[in-house]
N, C-alpha and C. Protein backbone atom coordinates (compact mmCIF):
# COMPACT_ATOMS: atom_id res chain seq x y z
N MET A 1 1.31 -1.32 0.18
CA MET A 1 0.11 0.11 -0.36
C MET A 1 0.64 1.60 -0.20
N GLU A 2 0.17 2.04 -0.39
CA GLU A 2 1.52 3.47 -1.39
C GLU A 2 1.01 4.45 0.35
N PRO A 3 1.74 4.76 0.88
CA PRO A 3 2.43 5.89 1.86
C PRO A 3 1.21 6.87 1.66
N VAL A 4 0.53 8.03 1.52
CA VAL A 4 -0.17 8.98 0.80
C VAL A 4 -1.54 7.82 1.24
N SER A 5 -2.22 6.43 0.90
CA SER A 5 -3.49 5.89 1.46
C SER A 5 -2.97 5.51 2.75
N GLN A 6 -2.12 4.95 3.76
CA GLN A 6 -2.04 3.94 4.95
C GLN A 6 -2.40 6.14 5.48
N LEU A 7 -1.47 6.89 4.93
CA LEU A 7 -2.74 8.19 5.24
C LEU A 7 -3.84 8.27 5.69
N VAL A 8 -4.58 8.83 4.46
CA VAL A 8 -5.58 8.60 4.55
C VAL A 8 -6.59 7.89 5.26
N SER A 9 -6.07 6.60 4.88
CA SER A 9 -6.98 5.55 6.08
C SER A 9 -6.29 5.76 8.10
N GLY A 10 -5.45 5.89 7.26
CA GLY A 10 -5.18 6.49 9.06
C GLY A 10 -5.69 7.61 9.86
N ALA A 11 -6.08 8.61 8.67
CA ALA A 11 -6.94 9.50 8.60
C ALA A 11 -8.46 9.84 9.10
N ALA A 12 -8.74 8.77 7.96
CA ALA A 12 -10.66 9.01 8.49
C ALA A 12 -10.45 7.72 9.25
N LEU A 13 -10.07 6.53 9.57
CA LEU A 13 -9.98 6.18 10.93
C LEU A 13 -10.47 6.33 12.06
N GLY A 14 -9.40 7.70 12.47
CA GLY A 14 -9.21 8.00 13.17
C GLY A 14 -10.84 9.20 13.23
N VAL A 15 -11.39 10.10 12.22
CA VAL A 15 -12.49 10.68 12.03
C VAL A 15 -13.33 10.06 12.77
N ALA A 16 -13.34 8.44 12.18
CA ALA A 16 -14.39 7.44 12.58
C ALA A 16 -14.49 6.74 13.74
N LEU A 17 -13.48 7.51 14.24
CA LEU A 17 -13.23 6.22 15.87
C LEU A 17 -14.00 8.20 16.83
N GLU A 18 -13.50 9.33 16.19
CA GLU A 18 -14.12 10.68 16.86
C GLU A 18 -16.17 10.75 16.89
N LEU A 19 -16.12 9.87 15.99
CA LEU A 19 -16.87 10.19 14.63
C LEU A 19 -18.30 9.55 16.10
N LEU A 20 -18.27 8.18 16.60
CA LEU A 20 -18.75 6.89 16.72
C LEU A 20 -19.38 7.80 18.96
N SER A 21 -17.62 8.24 19.21
CA SER A 21 -17.45 8.58 20.49
C SER A 21 -18.46 9.78 20.33
N ASP A 22 -17.83 10.42 19.53
CA ASP A 22 -19.38 11.87 20.03
C ASP A 22 -21.05 11.00 19.96
N SER A 23 -20.89 10.74 18.46
CA SER A 23 -22.42 10.51 19.17
C SER A 23 -23.31 9.57 19.97
N ILE A 24 -22.12 8.41 20.97
CA ILE A 24 -22.50 7.47 21.66
C ILE A 24 -22.53 8.72 22.93
N ARG A 25 -21.71 9.93 22.99
CA ARG A 25 -22.00 10.41 24.20
C ARG A 25 -23.39 11.40 23.80
N ARG A 26 -23.89 11.16 23.01
CA ARG A 26 -25.13 12.30 22.33
C ARG A 26 -26.59 11.43 23.01
N ALA A 27 -26.03 9.94 22.66
CA ALA A 27 -26.91 9.05 22.41
C ALA A 27 -27.18 8.86 23.93
N VAL A 28 -26.45 8.76 24.66
CA VAL A 28 -26.18 8.27 26.49
C VAL A 28 -27.03 9.30 26.89
N THR A 29 -27.31 10.39 26.63
CA THR A 29 -27.74 11.58 27.13
C THR A 29 -29.43 11.17 26.36
N THR A 30 -30.04 11.14 25.73
CA THR A 30 -31.19 11.17 24.95
C THR A 30 -31.76 9.89 24.97
N ALA A 31 -30.58 8.99 24.89
CA ALA A 31 -31.50 7.01 25.17
C ALA A 31 -31.68 6.91 26.75
N SER A 32 -32.19 6.96 27.11
CA SER A 32 -32.24 6.37 28.77
C SER A 32 -31.84 4.63 28.67
N SER A 33 -33.46 4.40 27.49
CA SER A 33 -33.05 3.48 27.31
C SER A 33 -32.16 1.82 27.81
N PHE A 34 -31.19 2.96 26.39
CA PHE A 34 -29.57 2.15 25.63
C PHE A 34 -28.58 2.46 27.19
N LYS A 35 -28.67 3.46 28.01
CA LYS A 35 -27.61 3.66 28.73
C LYS A 35 -26.02 2.72 29.12
N PHE A 36 -27.00 1.50 29.64
CA PHE A 36 -26.03 0.93 30.22
C PHE A 36 -25.19 -0.09 29.48
N LYS A 37 -26.33 -0.09 27.99
CA LYS A 37 -25.27 -0.60 26.63
C LYS A 37 -24.15 0.38 26.09
N LEU A 38 -25.27 1.82 26.22
CA LEU A 38 -24.04 2.38 25.38
C LEU A 38 -23.32 3.13 26.23
N GLN A 39 -22.82 2.90 27.49
CA GLN A 39 -22.01 3.28 27.90
C GLN A 39 -21.29 1.78 28.47
N LEU A 40 -21.26 1.53 28.00
CA LEU A 40 -20.40 0.04 27.00
C LEU A 40 -19.45 -0.23 26.59
N LEU A 41 -20.72 0.88 25.38
CA LEU A 41 -19.54 0.40 23.70
C LEU A 41 -18.35 1.56 24.44
N GLN A 42 -19.04 3.06 25.74
CA GLN A 42 -18.41 3.82 25.14
C GLN A 42 -17.48 3.59 25.66
N THR A 43 -17.39 2.55 26.66
CA THR A 43 -15.77 2.08 26.86
C THR A 43 -14.58 1.54 26.16
N THR A 44 -15.08 0.60 25.13
CA THR A 44 -14.57 -0.42 24.79
C THR A 44 -13.62 1.22 23.42
N VAL A 45 -14.95 1.82 22.82
CA VAL A 45 -14.53 2.77 22.23
C VAL A 45 -13.52 3.87 22.48
N ARG A 46 -13.42 4.18 23.73
CA ARG A 46 -11.99 4.45 24.35
C ARG A 46 -10.84 4.56 25.03
N ILE A 47 -10.34 2.80 24.94
CA ILE A 47 -9.71 2.10 24.94
C ILE A 47 -9.37 2.15 23.54
N LEU A 48 -9.80 2.01 22.21
CA LEU A 48 -9.77 2.18 20.70
C LEU A 48 -9.14 3.41 20.56
N ILE A 49 -9.60 3.39 20.60
CA ILE A 49 -8.99 5.41 20.88
C ILE A 49 -7.80 6.06 21.16
N SER A 50 -7.54 5.20 22.59
CA SER A 50 -6.47 5.00 23.20
C SER A 50 -4.81 4.66 22.79
N ARG A 51 -4.89 3.41 22.35
CA ARG A 51 -4.54 1.97 21.41
C ARG A 51 -4.48 3.01 20.16
N PHE A 52 -5.38 3.47 19.04
CA PHE A 52 -5.28 4.11 17.86
C PHE A 52 -4.28 5.46 18.37
N LYS A 53 -4.50 6.31 18.97
CA LYS A 53 -3.06 7.13 19.11
C LYS A 53 -2.24 6.94 18.90
N GLY A 54 -1.70 6.00 20.09
CA GLY A 54 -0.52 4.88 20.31
C GLY A 54 0.08 4.11 19.31
N ILE A 55 -0.45 3.75 18.41
CA ILE A 55 0.26 3.16 17.85
C ILE A 55 0.60 4.41 15.98
N GLN A 56 -0.40 5.18 16.23
CA GLN A 56 -0.08 6.69 15.01
C GLN A 56 0.58 6.66 15.99
N GLY A 57 1.19 7.01 16.55
CA GLY A 57 3.04 7.95 16.83
C GLY A 57 3.92 6.55 16.98
N GLU A 58 3.76 5.60 17.31
CA GLU A 58 4.59 5.32 17.58
C GLU A 58 4.88 4.60 15.21
N GLN A 59 4.13 4.45 14.45
CA GLN A 59 4.52 3.53 13.55
C GLN A 59 3.82 4.50 12.89
N LYS A 60 3.22 4.81 12.24
CA LYS A 60 3.26 6.02 11.16
C LYS A 60 1.81 5.69 10.71
N GLN A 61 1.91 4.39 10.43
CA GLN A 61 1.17 4.08 9.76
C GLN A 61 0.15 3.09 10.14
N PHE A 62 -0.77 2.01 9.47
CA PHE A 62 -1.92 1.75 10.31
C PHE A 62 -2.40 -0.09 9.10
N LEU A 63 -2.58 -0.32 8.96
CA LEU A 63 -2.53 -1.42 8.31
C LEU A 63 -3.43 -1.73 7.64
N GLY A 64 -3.16 -1.83 5.75
CA GLY A 64 -4.61 -0.65 5.39
C GLY A 64 -5.71 -1.48 5.54
N ALA A 65 -5.32 -2.85 5.16
CA ALA A 65 -6.64 -3.71 4.90
C ALA A 65 -7.76 -3.52 6.47
N GLU A 66 -6.80 -3.51 6.92
CA GLU A 66 -7.50 -3.65 8.42
C GLU A 66 -8.38 -2.36 9.27
N ALA A 67 -7.68 -1.43 9.00
CA ALA A 67 -8.01 0.04 8.48
C ALA A 67 -9.13 0.30 7.90
N GLN A 68 -9.07 -0.46 6.89
CA GLN A 68 -10.13 0.11 5.28
C GLN A 68 -12.03 -0.88 6.69
N ARG A 69 -11.79 -2.45 7.10
CA ARG A 69 -12.77 -2.87 7.75
C ARG A 69 -13.15 -2.43 9.25
N LEU A 70 -12.30 -1.50 9.61
CA LEU A 70 -12.30 -1.25 11.05
C LEU A 70 -12.73 0.22 10.38
N CYS A 71 -12.89 0.96 9.76
CA CYS A 71 -13.66 2.43 9.43
C CYS A 71 -14.89 2.15 8.77
N GLU A 72 -14.99 1.74 8.46
CA GLU A 72 -16.49 0.97 8.00
C GLU A 72 -17.26 0.22 9.22
N LEU A 73 -16.52 -0.48 10.10
CA LEU A 73 -18.10 -1.30 11.37
C LEU A 73 -17.54 0.44 11.99
N LEU A 74 -16.84 0.92 11.84
CA LEU A 74 -17.60 1.76 12.82
C LEU A 74 -18.49 3.44 12.53
N VAL A 75 -18.03 3.33 10.75
CA VAL A 75 -19.75 4.21 10.40
C VAL A 75 -20.22 4.16 10.53
N ARG A 76 -20.88 2.13 10.56
CA ARG A 76 -21.94 1.53 10.48
C ARG A 76 -22.72 1.49 12.54
N GLY A 77 -21.45 1.67 13.05
CA GLY A 77 -22.00 1.13 14.74
C GLY A 77 -21.68 2.60 14.80
N SER A 78 -21.16 3.18 14.49
CA SER A 78 -22.03 5.30 14.47
C SER A 78 -23.50 5.75 14.20
N ARG A 79 -23.89 5.38 13.22
CA ARG A 79 -25.45 5.11 12.18
C ARG A 79 -26.62 4.51 13.73
N LEU A 80 -26.22 3.62 12.78
CA LEU A 80 -26.97 2.25 14.79
C LEU A 80 -26.92 3.21 16.50
N VAL A 81 -25.46 3.59 16.58
CA VAL A 81 -25.77 4.33 18.15
C VAL A 81 -26.51 5.69 17.85
N SER A 82 -26.70 6.40 15.99
CA SER A 82 -27.87 6.98 16.19
C SER A 82 -29.29 7.14 16.30
N LYS A 83 -28.92 5.61 15.52
CA LYS A 83 -30.62 4.79 15.96
C LYS A 83 -31.29 4.29 16.87
N CYS A 84 -30.22 4.31 17.72
CA CYS A 84 -31.03 3.57 18.77
C CYS A 84 -31.27 4.97 19.76
N SER A 85 -30.82 6.64 19.35
CA SER A 85 -30.82 7.08 20.39
C SER A 85 -32.89 7.71 19.80
N ARG A 86 -33.42 7.69 18.87
CA ARG A 86 -34.11 8.50 18.20
C ARG A 86 -35.84 7.01 18.81
N ILE A 87 -35.35 6.04 19.08
CA ILE A 87 -35.88 4.74 19.21
C ILE A 87 -36.98 4.95 20.65
N SER A 88 -38.32 4.83 20.77
CA SER A 88 -39.19 5.49 21.66
C SER A 88 -38.95 3.73 22.70
N ARG A 89 -39.87 4.79 24.25
CA ARG A 89 -39.17 4.43 25.29
C ARG A 89 -40.41 2.92 24.71
N TRP A 90 -41.37 2.73 24.63
CA TRP A 90 -42.72 2.35 24.88
C TRP A 90 -42.01 1.16 23.41
N ASN A 91 -41.38 1.08 22.07
CA ASN A 91 -41.85 -0.09 21.35
C ASN A 91 -40.34 -0.64 21.82
N TYR A 92 -40.26 -1.76 22.31
CA TYR A 92 -39.84 -3.02 23.28
C TYR A 92 -39.34 -4.33 22.09
N PHE A 93 -39.56 -4.03 21.20
CA PHE A 93 -39.76 -5.00 20.00
C PHE A 93 -38.32 -4.07 19.70
N LYS A 94 -37.97 -3.03 19.19
CA LYS A 94 -36.82 -2.92 18.20
C LYS A 94 -36.09 -2.96 19.85
N MET A 95 -36.54 -1.78 20.93
CA MET A 95 -35.34 -1.96 21.74
C MET A 95 -34.11 -3.30 21.64
N ARG A 96 -34.55 -4.11 22.00
CA ARG A 96 -34.49 -5.44 21.61
C ARG A 96 -33.95 -5.62 21.20
N ARG A 97 -33.89 -5.38 19.64
CA ARG A 97 -32.88 -5.84 17.74
C ARG A 97 -32.18 -4.54 18.38
N TYR A 98 -32.77 -3.67 18.86
CA TYR A 98 -31.52 -2.83 17.97
C TYR A 98 -30.49 -2.80 19.51
N GLU A 99 -30.40 -3.32 21.05
CA GLU A 99 -29.54 -4.14 22.00
C GLU A 99 -28.57 -5.05 21.73
N LYS A 100 -29.52 -5.91 20.92
CA LYS A 100 -28.28 -7.51 21.13
C LYS A 100 -27.30 -6.12 19.39
N ARG A 101 -27.79 -5.92 18.60
CA ARG A 101 -27.18 -5.22 17.38
C ARG A 101 -25.71 -4.51 18.59
N ILE A 102 -26.24 -3.93 19.35
CA ILE A 102 -24.85 -2.25 20.24
C ILE A 102 -24.34 -3.44 21.08
N ASP A 103 -24.22 -5.25 21.74
CA ASP A 103 -24.51 -6.01 21.98
C ASP A 103 -23.42 -6.82 20.79
N GLU A 104 -23.65 -6.79 19.48
CA GLU A 104 -22.53 -7.35 18.11
C GLU A 104 -21.57 -6.43 18.33
N LEU A 105 -22.04 -5.35 18.03
CA LEU A 105 -20.91 -3.99 17.69
C LEU A 105 -19.94 -4.34 19.17
N ASP A 106 -20.45 -4.17 19.91
CA ASP A 106 -18.78 -3.97 21.70
C ASP A 106 -18.01 -5.15 21.47
N GLU A 107 -19.33 -6.56 20.89
CA GLU A 107 -18.42 -7.78 20.81
C GLU A 107 -16.80 -7.88 19.66
N SER A 108 -17.81 -6.86 18.43
CA SER A 108 -16.69 -6.85 17.15
C SER A 108 -15.78 -5.82 17.88
N LEU A 109 -16.15 -4.74 18.45
CA LEU A 109 -14.48 -3.65 18.69
C LEU A 109 -13.70 -4.53 19.40
N LYS A 110 -14.39 -5.73 20.90
CA LYS A 110 -13.48 -6.22 22.15
C LYS A 110 -12.11 -7.52 21.27
N HIS A 111 -13.08 -7.90 20.03
CA HIS A 111 -12.20 -8.83 19.00
C HIS A 111 -11.53 -8.54 18.39
N LEU A 112 -11.62 -6.88 18.08
CA LEU A 112 -10.89 -6.14 17.58
C LEU A 112 -8.98 -5.91 18.15
N LEU A 113 -10.18 -5.02 19.40
CA LEU A 113 -8.80 -4.86 20.34
C LEU A 113 -8.28 -6.08 19.96
N THR A 114 -8.19 -7.21 20.40
CA THR A 114 -7.54 -8.15 21.74
C THR A 114 -6.77 -8.67 20.37
N LEU A 115 -7.49 -9.16 18.98
CA LEU A 115 -7.17 -10.29 17.87
C LEU A 115 -5.04 -9.21 16.54
N ASN A 116 -6.06 -7.98 16.81
CA ASN A 116 -5.35 -7.32 15.62
C ASN A 116 -4.44 -6.42 16.36
N PHE A 117 -4.55 -6.19 17.46
CA PHE A 117 -3.65 -5.43 18.57
C PHE A 117 -2.51 -6.53 18.79
N GLN A 118 -3.09 -7.58 18.84
CA GLN A 118 -1.44 -8.80 19.56
C GLN A 118 -1.25 -9.21 17.89
N LEU A 119 -1.96 -8.77 17.16
CA LEU A 119 -0.41 -9.60 15.00
C LEU A 119 0.50 -7.90 14.98
N LEU A 120 -0.67 -6.29 16.14
CA LEU A 120 0.35 -5.36 15.97
C LEU A 120 1.43 -5.87 16.74
N GLN A 121 1.64 -6.22 17.82
CA GLN A 121 3.26 -5.98 19.06
C GLN A 121 3.24 -7.00 18.88
N TYR A 122 2.70 -8.54 17.89
CA TYR A 122 3.66 -9.11 17.84
C TYR A 122 4.83 -8.56 16.01
N GLU A 123 4.24 -8.22 15.77
CA GLU A 123 5.63 -7.30 14.68
C GLU A 123 6.36 -6.35 14.83
N ASN A 124 5.39 -5.67 15.86
CA ASN A 124 6.49 -4.59 16.69
C ASN A 124 7.73 -5.65 17.22
N MET A 125 7.09 -6.63 17.77
CA MET A 125 8.88 -7.03 19.43
C MET A 125 9.46 -8.27 18.10
N ARG A 126 8.74 -8.39 16.41
CA ARG A 126 9.52 -8.74 15.38
C ARG A 126 10.76 -8.33 15.34
N LYS A 127 10.54 -6.77 14.83
CA LYS A 127 10.91 -5.73 13.97
C LYS A 127 12.48 -5.60 15.62
N LEU A 128 11.29 -6.21 16.72
CA LEU A 128 12.70 -5.73 17.14
C LEU A 128 13.92 -6.35 17.72
N LEU A 129 13.77 -8.11 17.58
CA LEU A 129 13.98 -8.53 17.86
C LEU A 129 15.23 -8.87 16.58
N THR A 130 14.65 -8.63 15.68
CA THR A 130 15.47 -8.18 14.20
C THR A 130 16.04 -7.26 14.64
N GLU A 131 16.60 -6.24 15.31
CA GLU A 131 17.51 -5.13 15.59
C GLU A 131 17.87 -5.72 16.49
N VAL A 132 17.82 -5.96 17.42
CA VAL A 132 18.36 -6.70 18.47
C VAL A 132 20.09 -7.45 17.61
N ASN A 133 19.22 -8.43 17.16
CA ASN A 133 20.07 -9.37 16.63
C ASN A 133 21.20 -9.22 15.39
N GLU A 134 20.64 -7.68 14.91
CA GLU A 134 21.76 -6.72 14.28
C GLU A 134 23.01 -5.67 14.28
N MET A 135 22.08 -5.40 15.07
CA MET A 135 23.21 -5.17 16.85
C MET A 135 24.49 -6.00 17.98
N SER A 136 23.94 -7.59 18.00
CA SER A 136 24.27 -8.42 18.49
C SER A 136 25.63 -8.69 17.62
N LYS A 137 25.10 -8.40 16.82
CA LYS A 137 26.37 -9.07 15.36
C LYS A 137 26.40 -8.30 15.46
N LYS A 138 26.66 -6.68 15.47
CA LYS A 138 27.60 -6.02 14.74
C LYS A 138 29.02 -5.78 15.63
N PHE A 139 28.28 -6.08 16.92
CA PHE A 139 28.73 -5.64 19.11
C PHE A 139 30.04 -6.98 18.45
N VAL A 140 29.81 -8.27 18.12
CA VAL A 140 30.61 -9.49 18.14
C VAL A 140 31.26 -9.10 17.09
N ASP A 141 31.00 -8.86 15.54
CA ASP A 141 32.01 -8.55 14.16
C ASP A 141 33.22 -7.08 14.65
N HIS A 142 33.02 -6.40 15.90
CA HIS A 142 33.91 -5.48 16.19
C HIS A 142 34.68 -5.77 17.75
N GLU A 143 34.20 -6.81 17.74
CA GLU A 143 34.72 -7.19 19.62
C GLU A 143 36.24 -7.45 19.47
N GLU A 144 36.89 -7.93 18.05
CA GLU A 144 38.21 -7.67 18.64
C GLU A 144 39.63 -6.39 18.68
N GLU A 145 38.55 -5.09 17.73
CA GLU A 145 38.91 -3.48 18.43
C GLU A 145 38.56 -3.34 19.85
N LEU A 146 37.81 -4.00 20.45
CA LEU A 146 37.83 -3.36 21.41
C LEU A 146 39.08 -3.70 22.29
N PRO A 147 38.99 -2.12 23.21
CA PRO A 147 39.81 -2.51 23.83
C PRO A 147 40.77 -3.48 24.97
N LYS A 148 41.56 -4.09 25.69
CA LYS A 148 41.64 -5.44 26.07
C LYS A 148 42.47 -4.82 27.59
N PRO A 149 41.62 -5.50 28.85
CA PRO A 149 42.57 -4.93 29.72
C PRO A 149 43.89 -5.26 30.45
N SER A 150 44.86 -3.98 30.71
CA SER A 150 46.05 -4.50 30.56
C SER A 150 45.98 -4.15 31.54
N HIS A 151 45.55 -4.29 32.88
CA HIS A 151 46.59 -4.62 34.48
C HIS A 151 45.09 -5.19 34.38
N VAL A 152 45.25 -7.01 35.56
CA VAL A 152 44.51 -7.82 36.03
C VAL A 152 45.18 -7.51 37.11
N VAL A 153 44.87 -8.03 38.66
CA VAL A 153 45.01 -7.85 39.44
C VAL A 153 44.96 -9.43 39.74
N PRO A 154 46.23 -9.99 40.05
CA PRO A 154 46.19 -11.70 40.16
C PRO A 154 45.24 -12.25 41.59
N PHE A 155 44.81 -13.27 42.05
CA PHE A 155 44.21 -13.52 42.72
C PHE A 155 44.95 -14.64 43.95
N LYS A 156 45.09 -13.35 45.27
CA LYS A 156 45.62 -13.97 46.88
C LYS A 156 45.63 -14.82 46.81
N ARG A 157 46.39 -15.74 46.89
CA ARG A 157 45.20 -17.26 47.63
C ARG A 157 45.78 -16.95 49.26
N SER A 158 44.75 -17.58 50.11
CA SER A 158 44.94 -16.89 52.38
C SER A 158 44.83 -18.74 52.41
N ARG A 159 45.14 -18.93 52.92
CA ARG A 159 45.21 -20.46 53.74
C ARG A 159 43.50 -20.32 54.51
N LYS A 160 43.04 -19.34 55.46
CA LYS A 160 41.60 -18.84 55.60
C LYS A 160 40.71 -19.43 54.22
N LEU A 161 40.48 -18.50 52.92
CA LEU A 161 40.02 -18.17 52.33
C LEU A 161 40.36 -20.00 51.86
N ILE A 162 41.00 -20.92 51.62
CA ILE A 162 40.74 -22.07 51.16
C ILE A 162 39.57 -22.89 51.81
N VAL A 163 40.16 -23.01 53.05
CA VAL A 163 39.89 -23.65 54.10
C VAL A 163 38.40 -23.23 54.20
N PHE A 164 37.53 -21.72 54.66
CA PHE A 164 36.78 -22.05 54.05
C PHE A 164 35.86 -22.06 52.63
N PHE A 165 36.34 -22.28 51.54
CA PHE A 165 35.61 -22.81 50.53
C PHE A 165 35.26 -24.32 50.69
N SER A 166 36.36 -25.04 51.00
CA SER A 166 37.08 -26.00 50.87
C SER A 166 35.57 -26.73 52.48
N LEU A 167 34.78 -26.01 53.56
CA LEU A 167 34.46 -26.15 54.45
C LEU A 167 32.63 -26.00 53.71
N ALA A 168 32.40 -24.74 52.19
CA ALA A 168 31.45 -24.32 52.76
C ALA A 168 30.08 -25.80 51.77
N PHE A 169 31.90 -26.16 50.97
CA PHE A 169 30.96 -27.07 49.63
C PHE A 169 30.80 -28.36 50.09
N LYS A 170 31.64 -28.68 51.35
CA LYS A 170 31.10 -30.73 51.65
C LYS A 170 29.59 -30.32 52.36
N PRO A 171 29.51 -31.49 52.65
CA PRO A 171 28.59 -31.95 52.92
C PRO A 171 29.15 -31.61 54.83
N GLN A 172 27.17 -31.32 55.28
CA GLN A 172 26.64 -31.16 56.09
C GLN A 172 27.62 -31.70 57.43
N SER A 173 27.70 -33.52 57.09
CA SER A 173 27.91 -34.84 57.84
C SER A 173 29.52 -34.85 58.35
N ALA A 174 30.56 -34.71 56.64
CA ALA A 174 32.08 -34.33 57.01
C ALA A 174 32.27 -33.23 57.71
N ILE A 175 31.24 -31.65 57.37
CA ILE A 175 31.66 -31.04 58.49
C ILE A 175 31.74 -31.36 59.74
N ASN A 176 30.95 -32.38 60.75
CA ASN A 176 30.76 -32.38 61.48
C ASN A 176 31.35 -33.35 61.70
N ALA A 177 32.03 -33.73 61.61
CA ALA A 177 33.19 -35.13 61.49
C ALA A 177 34.38 -33.96 62.08
N GLN A 178 35.05 -33.75 61.23
CA GLN A 178 35.96 -32.47 61.27
C GLN A 178 36.47 -31.94 62.25
N ILE A 179 34.82 -31.34 62.52
CA ILE A 179 35.28 -29.55 64.24
C ILE A 179 34.79 -31.08 65.21
């Protein structure tokens, strides 16, 4: 995918996230029958927004097909939330149907949070691991060029130290027999 289209899809995704968040905020105040479900959905969207901003700050790109699918899901969710705010309290059949749709939207967003962001995290960790491996190869290649220590202090043996180490590594029964 070209960098320009990645930037456009990322910007559209940010706009769709804000659109859904605003429509949920408006619907919570008007649709009291869906208030609890909409608050759960709003919590999920807030987590999604914070993770999206973190990814945008780190990578400057988002996966193209995934961004498009998420954007479509968010636009559909925004439409659904605006429809929910217009349903009257006495229409229990529509309330139940839209409640199920809100639950499905929330579950699909949670699925996206768990699965897709784990894949992005795996990709970031893989990139980090390759960079660390490259750095270690450079370090091993240049190890001969590192300065060697010119002065090594010899270890002075002492009779007390040798007795201490010999007692420290003997079984307890041998120590008791010696004492």
